């Protein structure tokens, strides 16, 4: 099961202020734990929303809305993509994370965990086999 662990932004993160050295070191050690355990697939921090945009769609229009946005707590500051056996295991990893060190005085940080859909849940008949074949060819070239 793949699970996306998303760290919500704080006012500090949206102001592009780096975390403390203590927080950076603790997060590095935690990310190394994930890697050594073989569950880490990918991770990244995101730039502040002032450097991004949202695209809003209706049935007839597509509208681009430039950042920044008022509510930092609605934004994602970073993510880790992990692969675990159960959702309970993903929650246990989240409980162990030192995200408390990223929180400025008087604020909270929220981490959202969401399992990814299995691609087969949206497959057109025969698509899974074709995708597996393409992935096999890609990996054999590496």
C-alpha atoms as a PDB file:
ATOM      1  CA  UNK A   1       0.000   0.000   0.000  1.00  0.00           C
ATOM      2  CA  UNK A   2       1.372   3.396  -0.995  1.00  0.00           C
ATOM      3  CA  UNK A   3       0.537   6.276   1.329  1.00  0.00           C
ATOM      4  CA  UNK A   4       1.167   9.984   0.796  1.00  0.00           C
ATOM      5  CA  UNK A   5       2.137  11.765   4.011  1.00  0.00           C
ATOM      6  CA  UNK A   6       1.491  15.478   3.391  1.00  0.00           C
ATOM      7  CA  UNK A   7       2.780  18.145   5.751  1.00  0.00           C
ATOM      8  CA  UNK A   8       0.575  21.207   5.857  1.00  0.00           C
ATOM      9  CA  UNK A   9       2.223  24.613   5.599  1.00  0.00           C
ATOM     10  CA  UNK A  10       2.758  27.054   8.444  1.00  0.00           C
ATOM     11  CA  UNK A  11       3.041  30.836   8.187  1.00  0.00           C
ATOM     12  CA  UNK A  12       6.815  30.325   8.594  1.00  0.00           C
ATOM     13  CA  UNK A  13       6.978  27.905   5.655  1.00  0.00           C
ATOM     14  CA  UNK A  14       4.902  30.184   3.435  1.00  0.00           C
ATOM     15  CA  UNK A  15       7.220  33.081   4.323  1.00  0.00           C
ATOM     16  CA  UNK A  16      10.101  30.906   2.983  1.00  0.00           C
ATOM     17  CA  UNK A  17      11.795  30.836   6.399  1.00  0.00           C
ATOM     18  CA  UNK A  18      14.008  27.778   6.817  1.00  0.00           C
ATOM     19  CA  UNK A  19      13.364  25.494   9.782  1.00  0.00           C
ATOM     20  CA  UNK A  20      15.870  25.521  12.617  1.00  0.00           C
ATOM     21  CA  UNK A  21      19.065  23.502  12.312  1.00  0.00           C
ATOM     22  CA  UNK A  22      17.676  21.153  15.001  1.00  0.00           C
ATOM     23  CA  UNK A  23      14.537  20.542  12.940  1.00  0.00           C
ATOM     24  CA  UNK A  24      16.506  19.987   9.719  1.00  0.00           C
ATOM     25  CA  UNK A  25      18.803  17.445  11.386  1.00  0.00           C
ATOM     26  CA  UNK A  26      15.882  15.621  13.051  1.00  0.00           C
ATOM     27  CA  UNK A  27      13.955  15.417   9.773  1.00  0.00           C
ATOM     28  CA  UNK A  28      17.063  14.174   7.971  1.00  0.00           C
ATOM     29  CA  UNK A  29      17.483  11.401  10.554  1.00  0.00           C
ATOM     30  CA  UNK A  30      13.791  10.474  10.309  1.00  0.00           C
ATOM     31  CA  UNK A  31      13.971  10.362   6.490  1.00  0.00           C
ATOM     32  CA  UNK A  32      17.031   8.097   6.781  1.00  0.00           C
ATOM     33  CA  UNK A  33      15.010   5.797   9.076  1.00  0.00           C
ATOM     34  CA  UNK A  34      12.291   5.592   6.420  1.00  0.00           C
ATOM     35  CA  UNK A  35      14.898   4.865   3.748  1.00  0.00           C
ATOM     36  CA  UNK A  36      16.705   2.196   5.802  1.00  0.00           C
ATOM     37  CA  UNK A  37      13.376   0.527   6.596  1.00  0.00           C
ATOM     38  CA  UNK A  38      12.741   0.318   2.841  1.00  0.00           C
ATOM     39  CA  UNK A  39       9.437   2.188   2.949  1.00  0.00           C
ATOM     40  CA  UNK A  40      10.473   5.561   1.490  1.00  0.00           C
ATOM     41  CA  UNK A  41       9.624   5.976  -2.210  1.00  0.00           C
ATOM     42  CA  UNK A  42       9.976   9.749  -2.574  1.00  0.00           C
ATOM     43  CA  UNK A  43       9.933  12.969  -0.585  1.00  0.00           C
ATOM     44  CA  UNK A  44      10.199  16.684  -1.236  1.00  0.00           C
ATOM     45  CA  UNK A  45       9.508  20.076   0.213  1.00  0.00           C
ATOM     46  CA  UNK A  46       7.430  22.506  -1.798  1.00  0.00           C
ATOM     47  CA  UNK A  47       8.202  26.158  -2.407  1.00  0.00           C
ATOM     48  CA  UNK A  48       5.803  28.742  -0.946  1.00  0.00           C
ATOM     49  CA  UNK A  49       2.499  29.178  -2.754  1.00  0.00           C
ATOM     50  CA  UNK A  50       3.556  32.690  -3.741  1.00  0.00           C
ATOM     51  CA  UNK A  51       5.675  30.919  -6.368  1.00  0.00           C
ATOM     52  CA  UNK A  52       2.785  28.687  -7.468  1.00  0.00           C
ATOM     53  CA  UNK A  53      -0.693  28.873  -8.900  1.00  0.00           C
ATOM     54  CA  UNK A  54      -3.990  27.057  -8.809  1.00  0.00           C
ATOM     55  CA  UNK A  55      -5.948  26.046 -11.864  1.00  0.00           C
ATOM     56  CA  UNK A  56      -9.701  25.982 -11.382  1.00  0.00           C
ATOM     57  CA  UNK A  57     -11.912  24.126 -13.847  1.00  0.00           C
ATOM     58  CA  UNK A  58     -15.599  24.267 -14.548  1.00  0.00           C
ATOM     59  CA  UNK A  59     -17.442  22.491 -17.341  1.00  0.00           C
ATOM     60  CA  UNK A  60     -16.711  25.389 -19.696  1.00  0.00           C
ATOM     61  CA  UNK A  61     -13.681  27.257 -18.363  1.00  0.00           C
ATOM     62  CA  UNK A  62     -10.162  26.820 -17.065  1.00  0.00           C
ATOM     63  CA  UNK A  63      -8.948  29.661 -14.829  1.00  0.00           C
ATOM     64  CA  UNK A  64      -5.433  30.211 -13.418  1.00  0.00           C
ATOM     65  CA  UNK A  65      -5.237  31.810  -9.969  1.00  0.00           C
ATOM     66  CA  UNK A  66      -1.802  33.016  -8.899  1.00  0.00           C
ATOM     67  CA  UNK A  67      -0.626  32.707  -5.285  1.00  0.00           C
ATOM     68  CA  UNK A  68      -0.117  33.642  -2.566  1.00  0.00           C
ATOM     69  CA  UNK A  69      -3.244  32.544  -0.741  1.00  0.00           C
ATOM     70  CA  UNK A  70      -4.426  33.728   2.657  1.00  0.00           C
ATOM     71  CA  UNK A  71      -4.819  30.431   4.534  1.00  0.00           C
ATOM     72  CA  UNK A  72      -1.432  28.728   4.882  1.00  0.00           C
ATOM     73  CA  UNK A  73      -3.043  25.855   6.801  1.00  0.00           C
ATOM     74  CA  UNK A  74      -4.797  24.796   3.586  1.00  0.00           C
ATOM     75  CA  UNK A  75      -1.507  24.454   1.701  1.00  0.00           C
ATOM     76  CA  UNK A  76       0.963  21.582   1.497  1.00  0.00           C
ATOM     77  CA  UNK A  77       4.566  22.340   2.507  1.00  0.00           C
ATOM     78  CA  UNK A  78       6.010  18.944   1.655  1.00  0.00           C
ATOM     79  CA  UNK A  79       5.347  15.257   1.312  1.00  0.00           C
ATOM     80  CA  UNK A  80       6.721  11.775   1.771  1.00  0.00           C
ATOM     81  CA  UNK A  81       5.499   8.891  -0.331  1.00  0.00           C
ATOM     82  CA  UNK A  82       5.879   5.641   1.562  1.00  0.00           C
ATOM     83  CA  UNK A  83       5.017   2.017   0.833  1.00  0.00           C
ATOM     84  CA  UNK A  84       3.802   0.030   3.817  1.00  0.00           C
ATOM     85  CA  UNK A  85       1.860  -3.156   4.487  1.00  0.00           C
ATOM     86  CA  UNK A  86      -1.022  -1.449   6.311  1.00  0.00           C
ATOM     87  CA  UNK A  87      -2.437   2.002   6.941  1.00  0.00           C
ATOM     88  CA  UNK A  88      -1.744   1.444  10.660  1.00  0.00           C
ATOM     89  CA  UNK A  89       1.951   1.158   9.791  1.00  0.00           C
ATOM     90  CA  UNK A  90       1.776   4.486   7.933  1.00  0.00           C
ATOM     91  CA  UNK A  91       0.170   6.095  10.985  1.00  0.00           C
ATOM     92  CA  UNK A  92       2.935   4.700  13.193  1.00  0.00           C
ATOM     93  CA  UNK A  93       5.588   6.268  10.951  1.00  0.00           C
ATOM     94  CA  UNK A  94       3.733   9.601  11.122  1.00  0.00           C
ATOM     95  CA  UNK A  95       3.608   9.408  14.930  1.00  0.00           C
ATOM     96  CA  UNK A  96       7.395   8.936  15.012  1.00  0.00           C
ATOM     97  CA  UNK A  97       8.142  11.899  12.734  1.00  0.00           C
ATOM     98  CA  UNK A  98       9.691  14.957  14.414  1.00  0.00           C
ATOM     99  CA  UNK A  99       7.249  17.390  12.832  1.00  0.00           C
ATOM    100  CA  UNK A 100       6.800  19.070  16.220  1.00  0.00           C
ATOM    101  CA  UNK A 101      10.200  20.704  15.636  1.00  0.00           C
ATOM    102  CA  UNK A 102       8.838  22.463  12.547  1.00  0.00           C
ATOM    103  CA  UNK A 103       6.117  24.238  14.504  1.00  0.00           C
ATOM    104  CA  UNK A 104       6.664  27.891  15.426  1.00  0.00           C
ATOM    105  CA  UNK A 105       5.527  28.950  18.893  1.00  0.00           C
ATOM    106  CA  UNK A 106       1.747  29.351  18.999  1.00  0.00           C
ATOM    107  CA  UNK A 107       1.110  27.346  15.815  1.00  0.00           C
ATOM    108  CA  UNK A 108       0.314  23.756  14.990  1.00  0.00           C
ATOM    109  CA  UNK A 109       1.303  21.714  12.000  1.00  0.00           C
ATOM    110  CA  UNK A 110      -0.967  19.080  10.523  1.00  0.00           C
ATOM    111  CA  UNK A 111       0.100  16.012   8.601  1.00  0.00           C
ATOM    112  CA  UNK A 112      -2.434  14.335   6.340  1.00  0.00           C
ATOM    113  CA  UNK A 113      -2.074  10.684   5.347  1.00  0.00           C
ATOM    114  CA  UNK A 114      -3.906   9.400   2.290  1.00  0.00           C
ATOM    115  CA  UNK A 115      -3.569   5.997   0.624  1.00  0.00           C
ATOM    116  CA  UNK A 116      -3.052   6.133  -3.125  1.00  0.00           C
ATOM    117  CA  UNK A 117      -5.538   4.372  -5.349  1.00  0.00           C
ATOM    118  CA  UNK A 118      -4.285   1.179  -6.885  1.00  0.00           C
ATOM    119  CA  UNK A 119      -3.999   1.970 -10.623  1.00  0.00           C
ATOM    120  CA  UNK A 120      -6.000  -1.159 -11.447  1.00  0.00           C
ATOM    121  CA  UNK A 121      -9.061   0.500  -9.897  1.00  0.00           C
ATOM    122  CA  UNK A 122      -9.198   2.817 -12.915  1.00  0.00           C
ATOM    123  CA  UNK A 123      -7.900   0.563 -15.656  1.00  0.00           C
ATOM    124  CA  UNK A 124      -9.444   0.232 -19.053  1.00  0.00           C
ATOM    125  CA  UNK A 125      -9.489  -3.496 -19.928  1.00  0.00           C
ATOM    126  CA  UNK A 126      -5.974  -4.604 -20.898  1.00  0.00           C
ATOM    127  CA  UNK A 127      -4.327  -1.400 -19.714  1.00  0.00           C
ATOM    128  CA  UNK A 128      -2.692  -2.965 -16.622  1.00  0.00           C
ATOM    129  CA  UNK A 129      -0.908  -5.575 -18.720  1.00  0.00           C
ATOM    130  CA  UNK A 130       0.307  -2.949 -21.194  1.00  0.00           C
ATOM    131  CA  UNK A 131       1.555  -0.675 -18.376  1.00  0.00           C
ATOM    132  CA  UNK A 132       3.403  -3.597 -16.732  1.00  0.00           C
ATOM    133  CA  UNK A 133       5.023  -4.413 -20.062  1.00  0.00           C
ATOM    134  CA  UNK A 134       6.132  -0.777 -20.579  1.00  0.00           C
ATOM    135  CA  UNK A 135       7.518  -0.564 -17.024  1.00  0.00           C
ATOM    136  CA  UNK A 136       9.437  -3.800 -17.554  1.00  0.00           C
ATOM    137  CA  UNK A 137      10.982  -2.431 -20.730  1.00  0.00           C
ATOM    138  CA  UNK A 138      11.915   0.839 -18.991  1.00  0.00           C
ATOM    139  CA  UNK A 139      13.613  -0.932 -16.094  1.00  0.00           C
ATOM    140  CA  UNK A 140      15.526  -3.308 -18.366  1.00  0.00           C
ATOM    141  CA  UNK A 141      17.056  -0.323 -20.223  1.00  0.00           C
ATOM    142  CA  UNK A 142      18.386   1.224 -17.003  1.00  0.00           C
END
